[in-house]
């Protein structure tokens, strides 16, 4: 099982938001999986050797804000 990290993303409200964030995060080197829970605004990222700053940049590129 791959290690996971959880992040809070502000601004997501719909399935399109979810898809946009996941697509961008999956492009980060070292990321093997990503999922978003819209109710809790939680982004879960699975993989190895990825940087938090790269996840933040991917979320920014999707048009949203990483809270934590």
N, C-alpha and C. Protein backbone atom coordinates (compact mmCIF):
# COMPACT_ATOMS: atom_id res chain seq x y z
N UNK A 1 0.84 -1.18 0.00
CA UNK A 1 0.00 0.00 0.00
C UNK A 1 0.89 1.25 0.00
N UNK A 2 0.53 2.19 -0.85
CA UNK A 2 1.30 3.42 -0.96
C UNK A 2 0.97 4.38 0.18
N UNK A 3 1.97 5.15 0.62
CA UNK A 3 1.68 6.17 1.63
C UNK A 3 0.76 7.25 1.07
N UNK A 4 -0.06 7.84 1.92
CA UNK A 4 -0.98 8.89 1.49
C UNK A 4 -0.79 10.13 2.34
N UNK A 5 -1.15 11.27 1.75
CA UNK A 5 -1.20 12.55 2.48
C UNK A 5 -2.55 13.19 2.18
N UNK A 6 -3.07 13.89 3.17
CA UNK A 6 -4.36 14.58 3.01
C UNK A 6 -4.15 16.09 3.04
N UNK A 7 -4.92 16.76 2.20
CA UNK A 7 -4.87 18.21 2.09
C UNK A 7 -6.30 18.74 2.06
N UNK A 8 -6.48 19.97 2.50
CA UNK A 8 -7.77 20.64 2.38
C UNK A 8 -7.69 21.62 1.22
N UNK A 9 -8.68 21.56 0.33
CA UNK A 9 -8.71 22.43 -0.84
C UNK A 9 -9.95 23.31 -0.78
N UNK A 10 -9.74 24.62 -0.88
CA UNK A 10 -10.84 25.58 -0.81
C UNK A 10 -11.35 25.88 -2.21
N UNK A 11 -12.67 26.01 -2.35
CA UNK A 11 -13.27 26.46 -3.59
C UNK A 11 -13.93 25.37 -4.42
N UNK A 12 -13.76 24.11 -4.06
CA UNK A 12 -14.38 23.02 -4.83
C UNK A 12 -15.84 22.88 -4.43
N UNK A 13 -16.72 22.80 -5.46
CA UNK A 13 -18.15 22.69 -5.15
C UNK A 13 -18.88 21.63 -5.96
N UNK A 14 -18.24 21.08 -7.00
CA UNK A 14 -18.96 20.17 -7.90
C UNK A 14 -18.05 19.10 -8.46
N UNK A 15 -18.64 18.22 -9.24
CA UNK A 15 -17.89 17.13 -9.86
C UNK A 15 -16.81 17.63 -10.81
N UNK A 16 -17.09 18.73 -11.50
CA UNK A 16 -16.07 19.30 -12.40
C UNK A 16 -14.86 19.77 -11.60
N UNK A 17 -15.11 20.40 -10.46
CA UNK A 17 -14.02 20.85 -9.58
C UNK A 17 -13.17 19.65 -9.17
N UNK A 18 -13.84 18.61 -8.74
CA UNK A 18 -13.17 17.39 -8.29
C UNK A 18 -12.29 16.83 -9.40
N UNK A 19 -12.84 16.71 -10.59
CA UNK A 19 -12.12 16.15 -11.73
C UNK A 19 -10.90 17.01 -12.09
N UNK A 20 -11.06 18.32 -12.08
CA UNK A 20 -9.96 19.22 -12.42
C UNK A 20 -8.79 19.06 -11.45
N UNK A 21 -9.09 19.02 -10.17
CA UNK A 21 -8.04 18.88 -9.16
C UNK A 21 -7.33 17.53 -9.31
N UNK A 22 -8.10 16.47 -9.45
CA UNK A 22 -7.51 15.13 -9.58
C UNK A 22 -6.62 15.06 -10.82
N UNK A 23 -7.10 15.56 -11.95
CA UNK A 23 -6.30 15.51 -13.19
C UNK A 23 -4.98 16.23 -13.03
N UNK A 24 -4.98 17.39 -12.40
CA UNK A 24 -3.74 18.15 -12.22
C UNK A 24 -2.80 17.44 -11.25
N UNK A 25 -3.33 16.94 -10.16
CA UNK A 25 -2.49 16.29 -9.14
C UNK A 25 -1.86 15.01 -9.69
N UNK A 26 -2.58 14.28 -10.52
CA UNK A 26 -2.04 13.04 -11.08
C UNK A 26 -0.85 13.30 -12.01
N UNK A 27 -0.64 14.53 -12.43
CA UNK A 27 0.50 14.86 -13.28
C UNK A 27 1.78 15.11 -12.47
N UNK A 28 1.67 15.22 -11.16
CA UNK A 28 2.83 15.47 -10.31
C UNK A 28 3.69 14.21 -10.24
N UNK A 29 4.99 14.40 -10.42
CA UNK A 29 5.91 13.27 -10.36
C UNK A 29 5.85 12.61 -8.98
N UNK A 30 5.72 11.29 -8.98
CA UNK A 30 5.66 10.52 -7.74
C UNK A 30 4.25 10.21 -7.27
N UNK A 31 3.25 10.90 -7.82
CA UNK A 31 1.85 10.66 -7.44
C UNK A 31 1.31 9.48 -8.23
N UNK A 32 0.75 8.52 -7.52
CA UNK A 32 0.18 7.32 -8.15
C UNK A 32 -1.34 7.29 -8.09
N UNK A 33 -1.93 8.12 -7.24
CA UNK A 33 -3.38 8.16 -7.12
C UNK A 33 -3.83 9.40 -6.39
N UNK A 34 -5.06 9.82 -6.66
CA UNK A 34 -5.63 11.00 -5.99
C UNK A 34 -7.14 10.86 -5.94
N UNK A 35 -7.72 11.37 -4.87
CA UNK A 35 -9.17 11.37 -4.74
C UNK A 35 -9.59 12.62 -3.97
N UNK A 36 -10.80 13.07 -4.21
CA UNK A 36 -11.34 14.26 -3.55
C UNK A 36 -12.69 13.91 -2.95
N UNK A 37 -12.89 14.31 -1.70
CA UNK A 37 -14.19 14.23 -1.04
C UNK A 37 -14.73 15.65 -1.00
N UNK A 38 -15.74 15.93 -1.82
CA UNK A 38 -16.27 17.29 -1.91
C UNK A 38 -16.90 17.77 -0.60
N UNK A 39 -17.53 16.86 0.14
CA UNK A 39 -18.20 17.25 1.38
C UNK A 39 -17.21 17.81 2.40
N UNK A 40 -16.06 17.16 2.53
CA UNK A 40 -15.07 17.59 3.51
C UNK A 40 -13.98 18.48 2.90
N UNK A 41 -14.02 18.62 1.55
CA UNK A 41 -13.00 19.39 0.82
C UNK A 41 -11.61 18.77 0.95
N UNK A 42 -11.57 17.45 1.18
CA UNK A 42 -10.31 16.76 1.39
C UNK A 42 -9.78 16.15 0.09
N UNK A 43 -8.51 16.41 -0.17
CA UNK A 43 -7.77 15.80 -1.26
C UNK A 43 -6.84 14.77 -0.64
N UNK A 44 -6.93 13.53 -1.09
CA UNK A 44 -6.05 12.47 -0.63
C UNK A 44 -5.15 12.09 -1.79
N UNK A 45 -3.84 12.13 -1.53
CA UNK A 45 -2.85 11.84 -2.57
C UNK A 45 -2.03 10.64 -2.13
N UNK A 46 -1.90 9.66 -3.04
CA UNK A 46 -1.10 8.47 -2.77
C UNK A 46 0.10 8.47 -3.69
N UNK A 47 1.23 8.05 -3.15
CA UNK A 47 2.43 7.96 -3.96
C UNK A 47 3.67 8.04 -3.10
N UNK A 48 4.80 8.18 -3.75
CA UNK A 48 6.06 8.25 -3.06
C UNK A 48 6.90 9.39 -3.64
N UNK A 49 7.62 10.05 -2.78
CA UNK A 49 8.60 11.06 -3.18
C UNK A 49 8.00 12.24 -3.94
N UNK A 50 6.81 12.67 -3.55
CA UNK A 50 6.27 13.90 -4.14
C UNK A 50 6.35 15.01 -3.09
N UNK A 51 6.47 16.22 -3.59
CA UNK A 51 6.63 17.38 -2.72
C UNK A 51 5.29 18.07 -2.49
N UNK A 52 5.09 18.55 -1.27
CA UNK A 52 3.87 19.31 -0.97
C UNK A 52 3.76 20.53 -1.88
N UNK A 53 4.90 21.16 -2.18
CA UNK A 53 4.87 22.34 -3.04
C UNK A 53 4.39 22.01 -4.44
N UNK A 54 4.69 20.80 -4.93
CA UNK A 54 4.22 20.37 -6.25
C UNK A 54 2.72 20.12 -6.23
N UNK A 55 2.21 19.60 -5.11
CA UNK A 55 0.76 19.40 -4.98
C UNK A 55 0.07 20.76 -4.94
N UNK A 56 0.65 21.71 -4.20
CA UNK A 56 0.08 23.05 -4.14
C UNK A 56 0.05 23.69 -5.51
N UNK A 57 1.12 23.54 -6.28
CA UNK A 57 1.18 24.12 -7.62
C UNK A 57 0.11 23.50 -8.53
N UNK A 58 -0.10 22.18 -8.40
CA UNK A 58 -1.10 21.50 -9.22
C UNK A 58 -2.51 21.98 -8.87
N UNK A 59 -2.78 22.13 -7.58
CA UNK A 59 -4.09 22.62 -7.14
C UNK A 59 -4.30 24.05 -7.63
N UNK A 60 -3.26 24.87 -7.54
CA UNK A 60 -3.33 26.25 -8.05
C UNK A 60 -3.63 26.25 -9.55
N UNK A 61 -2.97 25.37 -10.29
CA UNK A 61 -3.16 25.28 -11.75
C UNK A 61 -4.60 24.91 -12.08
N UNK A 62 -5.21 24.10 -11.21
CA UNK A 62 -6.62 23.71 -11.42
C UNK A 62 -7.57 24.85 -11.06
N UNK A 63 -7.06 25.88 -10.40
CA UNK A 63 -7.88 27.04 -10.08
C UNK A 63 -8.42 27.07 -8.66
N UNK A 64 -7.80 26.30 -7.77
CA UNK A 64 -8.27 26.22 -6.39
C UNK A 64 -7.13 26.52 -5.43
N UNK A 65 -7.44 26.56 -4.14
CA UNK A 65 -6.46 26.95 -3.14
C UNK A 65 -6.25 25.83 -2.14
N UNK A 66 -4.98 25.46 -1.94
CA UNK A 66 -4.63 24.46 -0.94
C UNK A 66 -4.59 25.17 0.42
N UNK A 67 -5.40 24.69 1.35
CA UNK A 67 -5.48 25.30 2.68
C UNK A 67 -4.46 24.68 3.61
N UNK A 68 -4.34 23.37 3.57
CA UNK A 68 -3.37 22.70 4.43
C UNK A 68 -2.99 21.37 3.82
